């Protein structure tokens, strides 16, 4: 393990992180006891205190146990947008000793069928607007019970905030056997049995698709989930007055750790937004004094492109951090000039329950993954030989640390392929290419599977995208491979123009600019303008979708 990065270690942070030897549920008990009347959740001006949160979690846990037969180790699906019900259901499941299976709300019935059958879940929490997607899986060998949540139930006070139509929708009647309204489940009055799960029991099982085959469940214990719930706040200097915005999807590990598990551990307040909206986010900062925003790169790009940004009071902000893709230099510069903040990029994945790397808050480097955080051993290896590579050479990131998953659910072969052993330690192969600089910072190159082979030259799309962002007309860009009879593959850029430049610049002008500003083999030879790039439920650009469309 290299110790280069310790020269840049945050002065406020210990080298080793002590993590509680308890369940995640214990954090709810502690925060509810310490801060009973403190706002935990704010949802369109409705406030839920820590005391109320604990009480509602326990009521729903009692229903799961007594009415649904949920026991320790069972898997329970959670399929909804960011909302009080998501947050309550998450810890109600944990309170029973069962395992949370968070599901992307963009998934449809065919995809949901795999989650139900693979996890063996018999119970699911589903938002009312998404219920038609899950309903065909109710009954038979599928789900026995679906608890249907109406977001409007938690709009308890008048608000002048713009409420999305699906959030304000009225409750609809349920006629299917096995389907029950959230409110009815809460009012059943069941008391949960004593908590049995401990730190080494399974707690959360997010699914990751990887590059091929069906999505795989990442098995995380209370312990491995606890690590980054604690680490994120310690690294980011969270304190009593910290207020976060829960706009990153909570089904995804980044939002889950920052705005749910981490918030509960540190006793902070989370302002929930069910979907990304740059004006709503800015207004929430102004109204609630939000101090920190966890935003993926695409959200920051959109936030900073808002022509009305200067109309909001954003002075409470102390930190904006995230990841998902390298931050364009022009956007990072605009953020520093307008907000006085540097973007804190980090790196992690579902298999590591969020971060393994973060930039030191006081020594952040642009377009950089950061340094390995507490107790993480990260190395660069040759992806073919698996031999460790020296500093400065590009290879695959492998990580060993307390937040790494136990393995893939019911996938022993995939688990075996995902890990290698170095010096008696078990390292996870990430599939991401990077290099380490002389100070121990990791710099992302690209996905191992994403490389474009243009006439024998290796082209990394992420590098080309970063250069394209220097063009003043480009708001978003995604680089993919296009077929070329002579070169085999060539570089194609799919671009969203800034509103101010639509109709003012042509595809050929972008091609010409690229040739003038980057090596000939890297420069996109094909450019396509689109109104929007396809994005996942977590806000990441879905480059595979564009690549598949290009391949026909």
Foldseek 3Di string as FASTA:
>chain_A
DDPLQVVVDFPQFDQADDFDFWFLLVLLVVLCVVWVADFAEAEQNQTDGSVNLNLLLQLLLLLCCPVVVDAAAAEEEEAAFWASVSLSPLVSCVQRNYAYEYDFNVDAQVLVVCVFVQRVHQEYEYEPVSCVRCVVQDDDSGHPAYAYEQLCVRPPDDHPFDDDPSNNDDDDDDDDHRYHYPVVSSPPPGGHDHGDFTQAGWYYWYWDQPDDDRTWTFTFGSQLLRVLLQFVCSQVVDAAAAEEEQAQTCSFLVSVSPSRSNCSNRSYYYYYDRHDDLVSVLVCCQPVLHAEYEDEQLSLLVNLLDPCSVVGPNQSYDAYEYYQAFHQPVSQVSCCVPPVAGYWYADDHPQLSDGQAIARRVGGDGQFRHAGGHAKDKFFAAPVVRHTDDAPDKHWIKIAGSNGTPATRVCVPRRVVQWDDDPNTIIGTDQWIWGAHSSRITHTQAGNVQWDQFQNDTEGQSVLQSQLVVDQFFSGKGWHWAADPVRRTAIEIETETRPVCVVPDDQVNQQVVQVVRDPPRHRHPHYHYDNDADAGSSGHGPNVVVHVVNVD
